[in-house]
Amino acid sequence: MSPPYFSGCGKYLLEAKITFYKFYVIKEVNKTMDELRKLESNGNDMLKNHKFTFFKNKLTTKIKQEKDLLMEMYPKLGKAIN
């Protein structure tokens, strides 16, 4: 949510509760994770073609092993995911 949204709610809707839609929260988290993945992948070919490896819920054994390896090699990504 943008700062003007919070400001407007605080100014004009004093007794209202602010609601966050799960879709938009997940969207922002995924966007941030992808930006972090892109920063980490500069000059590192291992992260190429792994954009969706970090976002999948159901992983095969092979993909899970790749994900675990990448999380060890790139601790910022590992920390952000967990």
PDB file of N, CA and C in Angstrom:
ATOM      1  N   MET A   1       0.834  -1.161   0.000  1.00  0.00           N
ATOM      2  CA  MET A   1       0.000   0.000   0.000  1.00  0.00           C
ATOM      3  C   MET A   1       0.891   1.239   0.000  1.00  0.00           C
ATOM      4  N   SER A   2       0.412   2.249  -0.638  1.00  0.00           N
ATOM      5  CA  SER A   2       1.215   3.456  -0.778  1.00  0.00           C
ATOM      6  C   SER A   2       1.072   4.364   0.440  1.00  0.00           C
ATOM      7  N   PRO A   3       2.069   5.196   0.678  1.00  0.00           N
ATOM      8  CA  PRO A   3       1.982   6.151   1.793  1.00  0.00           C
ATOM      9  C   PRO A   3       0.746   7.062   1.725  1.00  0.00           C
ATOM     10  N   PRO A   4       0.332   7.549   0.531  1.00  0.00           N
ATOM     11  CA  PRO A   4      -0.885   8.366   0.500  1.00  0.00           C
ATOM     12  C   PRO A   4      -2.134   7.598   0.975  1.00  0.00           C
ATOM     13  N   TYR A   5      -2.173   6.293   0.725  1.00  0.00           N
ATOM     14  CA  TYR A   5      -3.300   5.478   1.183  1.00  0.00           C
ATOM     15  C   TYR A   5      -3.363   5.488   2.709  1.00  0.00           C
ATOM     16  N   PHE A   6      -2.230   5.242   3.359  1.00  0.00           N
ATOM     17  CA  PHE A   6      -2.189   5.247   4.815  1.00  0.00           C
ATOM     18  C   PHE A   6      -2.514   6.631   5.374  1.00  0.00           C
ATOM     19  N   SER A   7      -1.990   7.647   4.721  1.00  0.00           N
ATOM     20  CA  SER A   7      -2.237   9.011   5.167  1.00  0.00           C
ATOM     21  C   SER A   7      -3.721   9.360   5.071  1.00  0.00           C
ATOM     22  N   GLY A   8      -4.328   9.003   3.952  1.00  0.00           N
ATOM     23  CA  GLY A   8      -5.755   9.274   3.763  1.00  0.00           C
ATOM     24  C   GLY A   8      -6.615   8.520   4.749  1.00  0.00           C
ATOM     25  N   CYS A   9      -6.260   7.274   5.014  1.00  0.00           N
ATOM     26  CA  CYS A   9      -7.018   6.477   5.998  1.00  0.00           C
ATOM     27  C   CYS A   9      -6.896   7.090   7.385  1.00  0.00           C
ATOM     28  N   GLY A  10      -5.704   7.517   7.720  1.00  0.00           N
ATOM     29  CA  GLY A  10      -5.502   8.106   9.044  1.00  0.00           C
ATOM     30  C   GLY A  10      -6.200   9.440   9.212  1.00  0.00           C
ATOM     31  N   LYS A  11      -6.335  10.182   8.128  1.00  0.00           N
ATOM     32  CA  LYS A  11      -6.917  11.512   8.195  1.00  0.00           C
ATOM     33  C   LYS A  11      -8.445  11.495   8.105  1.00  0.00           C
ATOM     34  N   TYR A  12      -8.992  10.687   7.185  1.00  0.00           N
ATOM     35  CA  TYR A  12     -10.429  10.738   6.909  1.00  0.00           C
ATOM     36  C   TYR A  12     -11.214   9.548   7.457  1.00  0.00           C
ATOM     37  N   LEU A  13     -10.556   8.461   7.714  1.00  0.00           N
ATOM     38  CA  LEU A  13     -11.244   7.250   8.189  1.00  0.00           C
ATOM     39  C   LEU A  13     -10.655   6.827   9.531  1.00  0.00           C
ATOM     40  N   LEU A  14     -10.884   7.621  10.524  1.00  0.00           N
ATOM     41  CA  LEU A  14     -10.227   7.437  11.813  1.00  0.00           C
ATOM     42  C   LEU A  14     -10.521   6.100  12.476  1.00  0.00           C
ATOM     43  N   GLU A  15     -11.726   5.589  12.334  1.00  0.00           N
ATOM     44  CA  GLU A  15     -12.085   4.348  13.012  1.00  0.00           C
ATOM     45  C   GLU A  15     -12.014   3.116  12.109  1.00  0.00           C
ATOM     46  N   ALA A  16     -11.593   3.306  10.882  1.00  0.00           N
ATOM     47  CA  ALA A  16     -11.539   2.192   9.930  1.00  0.00           C
ATOM     48  C   ALA A  16     -10.281   1.358  10.149  1.00  0.00           C
ATOM     49  N   LYS A  17     -10.412   0.076   9.878  1.00  0.00           N
ATOM     50  CA  LYS A  17      -9.264  -0.817   9.920  1.00  0.00           C
ATOM     51  C   LYS A  17      -8.717  -0.957   8.508  1.00  0.00           C
ATOM     52  N   ILE A  18      -7.415  -0.936   8.389  1.00  0.00           N
ATOM     53  CA  ILE A  18      -6.788  -1.080   7.070  1.00  0.00           C
ATOM     54  C   ILE A  18      -6.711  -2.562   6.740  1.00  0.00           C
ATOM     55  N   THR A  19      -7.160  -2.902   5.536  1.00  0.00           N
ATOM     56  CA  THR A  19      -7.176  -4.289   5.085  1.00  0.00           C
ATOM     57  C   THR A  19      -6.147  -4.484   3.980  1.00  0.00           C
ATOM     58  N   PHE A  20      -5.390  -5.560   4.092  1.00  0.00           N
ATOM     59  CA  PHE A  20      -4.437  -5.915   3.047  1.00  0.00           C
ATOM     60  C   PHE A  20      -4.955  -7.153   2.340  1.00  0.00           C
ATOM     61  N   TYR A  21      -5.080  -7.096   1.035  1.00  0.00           N
ATOM     62  CA  TYR A  21      -5.500  -8.250   0.266  1.00  0.00           C
ATOM     63  C   TYR A  21      -4.304  -9.171   0.059  1.00  0.00           C
ATOM     64  N   LYS A  22      -4.511 -10.443   0.316  1.00  0.00           N
ATOM     65  CA  LYS A  22      -3.443 -11.429   0.231  1.00  0.00           C
ATOM     66  C   LYS A  22      -2.774 -11.406  -1.150  1.00  0.00           C
ATOM     67  N   PHE A  23      -3.566 -11.255  -2.206  1.00  0.00           N
ATOM     68  CA  PHE A  23      -3.031 -11.238  -3.563  1.00  0.00           C
ATOM     69  C   PHE A  23      -1.941 -10.178  -3.714  1.00  0.00           C
ATOM     70  N   TYR A  24      -2.214  -8.960  -3.229  1.00  0.00           N
ATOM     71  CA  TYR A  24      -1.270  -7.867  -3.407  1.00  0.00           C
ATOM     72  C   TYR A  24      -0.035  -8.024  -2.521  1.00  0.00           C
ATOM     73  N   VAL A  25      -0.211  -8.611  -1.357  1.00  0.00           N
ATOM     74  CA  VAL A  25       0.939  -8.870  -0.483  1.00  0.00           C
ATOM     75  C   VAL A  25       1.864  -9.887  -1.140  1.00  0.00           C
ATOM     76  N   ILE A  26       1.288 -10.986  -1.639  1.00  0.00           N
ATOM     77  CA  ILE A  26       2.079 -12.020  -2.323  1.00  0.00           C
ATOM     78  C   ILE A  26       2.745 -11.445  -3.573  1.00  0.00           C
ATOM     79  N   LYS A  27       2.023 -10.606  -4.284  1.00  0.00           N
ATOM     80  CA  LYS A  27       2.570  -9.987  -5.500  1.00  0.00           C
ATOM     81  C   LYS A  27       3.824  -9.169  -5.171  1.00  0.00           C
ATOM     82  N   GLU A  28       3.773  -8.381  -4.107  1.00  0.00           N
ATOM     83  CA  GLU A  28       4.923  -7.568  -3.715  1.00  0.00           C
ATOM     84  C   GLU A  28       6.088  -8.426  -3.233  1.00  0.00           C
ATOM     85  N   VAL A  29       5.785  -9.490  -2.505  1.00  0.00           N
ATOM     86  CA  VAL A  29       6.845 -10.394  -2.042  1.00  0.00           C
ATOM     87  C   VAL A  29       7.534 -11.053  -3.240  1.00  0.00           C
ATOM     88  N   ASN A  30       6.738 -11.536  -4.197  1.00  0.00           N
ATOM     89  CA  ASN A  30       7.310 -12.166  -5.390  1.00  0.00           C
ATOM     90  C   ASN A  30       8.146 -11.177  -6.198  1.00  0.00           C
ATOM     91  N   LYS A  31       7.665  -9.950  -6.297  1.00  0.00           N
ATOM     92  CA  LYS A  31       8.403  -8.923  -7.038  1.00  0.00           C
ATOM     93  C   LYS A  31       9.750  -8.648  -6.363  1.00  0.00           C
ATOM     94  N   THR A  32       9.739  -8.530  -5.057  1.00  0.00           N
ATOM     95  CA  THR A  32      10.976  -8.280  -4.305  1.00  0.00           C
ATOM     96  C   THR A  32      11.938  -9.452  -4.413  1.00  0.00           C
ATOM     97  N   MET A  33      11.400 -10.675  -4.316  1.00  0.00           N
ATOM     98  CA  MET A  33      12.247 -11.868  -4.445  1.00  0.00           C
ATOM     99  C   MET A  33      12.894 -11.923  -5.829  1.00  0.00           C
ATOM    100  N   ASP A  34      12.138 -11.583  -6.862  1.00  0.00           N
ATOM    101  CA  ASP A  34      12.686 -11.612  -8.213  1.00  0.00           C
ATOM    102  C   ASP A  34      13.774 -10.551  -8.373  1.00  0.00           C
ATOM    103  N   GLU A  35      13.571  -9.365  -7.787  1.00  0.00           N
ATOM    104  CA  GLU A  35      14.602  -8.329  -7.850  1.00  0.00           C
ATOM    105  C   GLU A  35      15.873  -8.784  -7.138  1.00  0.00           C
ATOM    106  N   LEU A  36      15.713  -9.418  -5.989  1.00  0.00           N
ATOM    107  CA  LEU A  36      16.867  -9.943  -5.253  1.00  0.00           C
ATOM    108  C   LEU A  36      17.577 -11.025  -6.060  1.00  0.00           C
ATOM    109  N   ARG A  37      16.804 -11.911  -6.705  1.00  0.00           N
ATOM    110  CA  ARG A  37      17.382 -12.968  -7.531  1.00  0.00           C
ATOM    111  C   ARG A  37      18.181 -12.357  -8.688  1.00  0.00           C
ATOM    112  N   LYS A  38      17.632 -11.299  -9.290  1.00  0.00           N
ATOM    113  CA  LYS A  38      18.330 -10.640 -10.395  1.00  0.00           C
ATOM    114  C   LYS A  38      19.637  -9.996  -9.918  1.00  0.00           C
ATOM    115  N   LEU A  39      19.603  -9.358  -8.742  1.00  0.00           N
ATOM    116  CA  LEU A  39      20.834  -8.761  -8.204  1.00  0.00           C
ATOM    117  C   LEU A  39      21.887  -9.822  -7.920  1.00  0.00           C
ATOM    118  N   GLU A  40      21.459 -10.928  -7.360  1.00  0.00           N
ATOM    119  CA  GLU A  40      22.391 -12.010  -7.032  1.00  0.00           C
ATOM    120  C   GLU A  40      22.930 -12.687  -8.295  1.00  0.00           C
ATOM    121  N   SER A  41      22.130 -12.691  -9.368  1.00  0.00           N
ATOM    122  CA  SER A  41      22.536 -13.433 -10.562  1.00  0.00           C
ATOM    123  C   SER A  41      23.461 -12.652 -11.477  1.00  0.00           C
ATOM    124  N   ASN A  42      23.704 -11.383 -11.188  1.00  0.00           N
ATOM    125  CA  ASN A  42      24.625 -10.610 -12.027  1.00  0.00           C
ATOM    126  C   ASN A  42      25.996 -11.265 -12.019  1.00  0.00           C
ATOM    127  N   GLY A  43      26.387 -11.786 -13.154  1.00  0.00           N
ATOM    128  CA  GLY A  43      27.681 -12.438 -13.282  1.00  0.00           C
ATOM    129  C   GLY A  43      27.701 -13.883 -12.818  1.00  0.00           C
ATOM    130  N   ASN A  44      26.579 -14.398 -12.346  1.00  0.00           N
ATOM    131  CA  ASN A  44      26.493 -15.786 -11.884  1.00  0.00           C
ATOM    132  C   ASN A  44      25.484 -16.539 -12.743  1.00  0.00           C
ATOM    133  N   ASP A  45      25.980 -17.443 -13.542  1.00  0.00           N
ATOM    134  CA  ASP A  45      25.105 -18.178 -14.455  1.00  0.00           C
ATOM    135  C   ASP A  45      24.260 -19.241 -13.771  1.00  0.00           C
ATOM    136  N   MET A  46      24.588 -19.597 -12.545  1.00  0.00           N
ATOM    137  CA  MET A  46      23.842 -20.668 -11.873  1.00  0.00           C
ATOM    138  C   MET A  46      22.381 -20.296 -11.608  1.00  0.00           C
ATOM    139  N   LEU A  47      22.091 -19.017 -11.446  1.00  0.00           N
ATOM    140  CA  LEU A  47      20.722 -18.602 -11.147  1.00  0.00           C
ATOM    141  C   LEU A  47      19.870 -18.382 -12.395  1.00  0.00           C
ATOM    142  N   LYS A  48      20.496 -18.467 -13.562  1.00  0.00           N
ATOM    143  CA  LYS A  48      19.724 -18.312 -14.793  1.00  0.00           C
ATOM    144  C   LYS A  48      18.729 -19.457 -14.926  1.00  0.00           C
ATOM    145  N   ASN A  49      17.561 -19.151 -15.424  1.00  0.00           N
ATOM    146  CA  ASN A  49      16.480 -20.111 -15.650  1.00  0.00           C
ATOM    147  C   ASN A  49      15.955 -20.733 -14.351  1.00  0.00           C
ATOM    148  N   HIS A  50      16.132 -20.055 -13.232  1.00  0.00           N
ATOM    149  CA  HIS A  50      15.609 -20.559 -11.964  1.00  0.00           C
ATOM    150  C   HIS A  50      14.622 -19.591 -11.324  1.00  0.00           C
ATOM    151  N   LYS A  51      14.029 -18.742 -12.138  1.00  0.00           N
ATOM    152  CA  LYS A  51      13.100 -17.748 -11.596  1.00  0.00           C
ATOM    153  C   LYS A  51      11.966 -18.416 -10.823  1.00  0.00           C
ATOM    154  N   PHE A  52      11.389 -19.459 -11.385  1.00  0.00           N
ATOM    155  CA  PHE A  52      10.224 -20.074 -10.766  1.00  0.00           C
ATOM    156  C   PHE A  52      10.577 -21.196  -9.798  1.00  0.00           C
ATOM    157  N   THR A  53      11.841 -21.553  -9.711  1.00  0.00           N
ATOM    158  CA  THR A  53      12.258 -22.576  -8.756  1.00  0.00           C
ATOM    159  C   THR A  53      11.947 -22.129  -7.333  1.00  0.00           C
ATOM    160  N   PHE A  54      12.077 -20.854  -7.075  1.00  0.00           N
ATOM    161  CA  PHE A  54      11.862 -20.335  -5.729  1.00  0.00           C
ATOM    162  C   PHE A  54      10.391 -20.083  -5.411  1.00  0.00           C
ATOM    163  N   PHE A  55       9.538 -20.049  -6.418  1.00  0.00           N
ATOM    164  CA  PHE A  55       8.138 -19.714  -6.192  1.00  0.00           C
ATOM    165  C   PHE A  55       7.208 -20.918  -6.208  1.00  0.00           C
ATOM    166  N   LYS A  56       7.697 -22.056  -6.655  1.00  0.00           N
ATOM    167  CA  LYS A  56       6.845 -23.241  -6.749  1.00  0.00           C
ATOM    168  C   LYS A  56       6.586 -23.837  -5.373  1.00  0.00           C
ATOM    169  N   ASN A  57       5.369 -24.337  -5.181  1.00  0.00           N
ATOM    170  CA  ASN A  57       5.025 -25.015  -3.931  1.00  0.00           C
ATOM    171  C   ASN A  57       5.306 -26.504  -4.016  1.00  0.00           C
ATOM    172  N   LYS A  58       4.968 -27.109  -5.143  1.00  0.00           N
ATOM    173  CA  LYS A  58       5.178 -28.543  -5.327  1.00  0.00           C
ATOM    174  C   LYS A  58       6.436 -28.746  -6.157  1.00  0.00           C
ATOM    175  N   LEU A  59       7.446 -29.312  -5.532  1.00  0.00           N
ATOM    176  CA  LEU A  59       8.726 -29.490  -6.206  1.00  0.00           C
ATOM    177  C   LEU A  59       9.047 -30.970  -6.356  1.00  0.00           C
ATOM    178  N   THR A  60       9.626 -31.303  -7.497  1.00  0.00           N
ATOM    179  CA  THR A  60      10.138 -32.661  -7.661  1.00  0.00           C
ATOM    180  C   THR A  60      11.423 -32.765  -6.846  1.00  0.00           C
ATOM    181  N   THR A  61      11.893 -33.964  -6.648  1.00  0.00           N
ATOM    182  CA  THR A  61      13.113 -34.175  -5.859  1.00  0.00           C
ATOM    183  C   THR A  61      14.294 -33.436  -6.469  1.00  0.00           C
ATOM    184  N   LYS A  62      14.411 -33.495  -7.790  1.00  0.00           N
ATOM    185  CA  LYS A  62      15.532 -32.841  -8.477  1.00  0.00           C
ATOM    186  C   LYS A  62      15.480 -31.325  -8.287  1.00  0.00           C
ATOM    187  N   ILE A  63      14.311 -30.739  -8.465  1.00  0.00           N
ATOM    188  CA  ILE A  63      14.182 -29.284  -8.331  1.00  0.00           C
ATOM    189  C   ILE A  63      14.397 -28.859  -6.880  1.00  0.00           C
ATOM    190  N   LYS A  64      13.927 -29.675  -5.936  1.00  0.00           N
ATOM    191  CA  LYS A  64      14.141 -29.362  -4.519  1.00  0.00           C
ATOM    192  C   LYS A  64      15.629 -29.363  -4.196  1.00  0.00           C
ATOM    193  N   GLN A  65      16.373 -30.326  -4.740  1.00  0.00           N
ATOM    194  CA  GLN A  65      17.820 -30.375  -4.514  1.00  0.00           C
ATOM    195  C   GLN A  65      18.503 -29.144  -5.107  1.00  0.00           C
ATOM    196  N   GLU A  66      18.077 -28.742  -6.315  1.00  0.00           N
ATOM    197  CA  GLU A  66      18.637 -27.546  -6.948  1.00  0.00           C
ATOM    198  C   GLU A  66      18.339 -26.304  -6.099  1.00  0.00           C
ATOM    199  N   LYS A  67      17.111 -26.227  -5.624  1.00  0.00           N
ATOM    200  CA  LYS A  67      16.716 -25.087  -4.797  1.00  0.00           C
ATOM    201  C   LYS A  67      17.557 -25.029  -3.519  1.00  0.00           C
ATOM    202  N   ASP A  68      17.733 -26.161  -2.862  1.00  0.00           N
ATOM    203  CA  ASP A  68      18.529 -26.206  -1.640  1.00  0.00           C
ATOM    204  C   ASP A  68      19.978 -25.796  -1.906  1.00  0.00           C
ATOM    205  N   LEU A  69      20.538 -26.276  -3.022  1.00  0.00           N
ATOM    206  CA  LEU A  69      21.902 -25.917  -3.393  1.00  0.00           C
ATOM    207  C   LEU A  69      22.022 -24.421  -3.649  1.00  0.00           C
ATOM    208  N   LEU A  70      21.083 -23.862  -4.391  1.00  0.00           N
ATOM    209  CA  LEU A  70      21.113 -22.434  -4.692  1.00  0.00           C
ATOM    210  C   LEU A  70      20.953 -21.595  -3.426  1.00  0.00           C
ATOM    211  N   MET A  71      20.133 -22.062  -2.492  1.00  0.00           N
ATOM    212  CA  MET A  71      19.939 -21.333  -1.244  1.00  0.00           C
ATOM    213  C   MET A  71      21.203 -21.345  -0.392  1.00  0.00           C
ATOM    214  N   GLU A  72      21.976 -22.421  -0.486  1.00  0.00           N
ATOM    215  CA  GLU A  72      23.254 -22.482   0.231  1.00  0.00           C
ATOM    216  C   GLU A  72      24.292 -21.572  -0.418  1.00  0.00           C
ATOM    217  N   MET A  73      24.310 -21.558  -1.745  1.00  0.00           N
ATOM    218  CA  MET A  73      25.297 -20.763  -2.463  1.00  0.00           C
ATOM    219  C   MET A  73      24.989 -19.272  -2.417  1.00  0.00           C
ATOM    220  N   TYR A  74      23.714 -18.929  -2.303  1.00  0.00           N
ATOM    221  CA  TYR A  74      23.272 -17.547  -2.272  1.00  0.00           C
ATOM    222  C   TYR A  74      22.478 -17.315  -0.982  1.00  0.00           C
ATOM    223  N   PRO A  75      23.174 -17.068   0.120  1.00  0.00           N
ATOM    224  CA  PRO A  75      22.504 -16.994   1.423  1.00  0.00           C
ATOM    225  C   PRO A  75      21.461 -15.879   1.531  1.00  0.00           C
ATOM    226  N   LYS A  76      21.621 -14.799   0.771  1.00  0.00           N
ATOM    227  CA  LYS A  76      20.606 -13.737   0.814  1.00  0.00           C
ATOM    228  C   LYS A  76      19.264 -14.267   0.308  1.00  0.00           C
ATOM    229  N   LEU A  77      19.312 -15.053  -0.759  1.00  0.00           N
ATOM    230  CA  LEU A  77      18.078 -15.646  -1.285  1.00  0.00           C
ATOM    231  C   LEU A  77      17.506 -16.638  -0.285  1.00  0.00           C
ATOM    232  N   GLY A  78      18.358 -17.460   0.286  1.00  0.00           N
ATOM    233  CA  GLY A  78      17.909 -18.435   1.264  1.00  0.00           C
ATOM    234  C   GLY A  78      17.246 -17.791   2.459  1.00  0.00           C
ATOM    235  N   LYS A  79      17.844 -16.713   2.932  1.00  0.00           N
ATOM    236  CA  LYS A  79      17.296 -16.000   4.079  1.00  0.00           C
ATOM    237  C   LYS A  79      15.966 -15.342   3.725  1.00  0.00           C
ATOM    238  N   ALA A  80      15.873 -14.783   2.543  1.00  0.00           N
ATOM    239  CA  ALA A  80      14.646 -14.112   2.115  1.00  0.00           C
ATOM    240  C   ALA A  80      13.502 -15.105   1.932  1.00  0.00           C
ATOM    241  N   ILE A  81      13.819 -16.303   1.468  1.00  0.00           N
ATOM    242  CA  ILE A  81      12.778 -17.319   1.248  1.00  0.00           C
ATOM    243  C   ILE A  81      12.265 -17.849   2.561  1.00  0.00           C
ATOM    244  N   ASN A  82      13.156 -18.078   3.489  1.00  0.00           N
ATOM    245  CA  ASN A  82      12.730 -18.631   4.784  1.00  0.00           C
ATOM    246  C   ASN A  82      12.304 -17.510   5.660  1.00  0.00           C
TER     247      ASN A  82
END
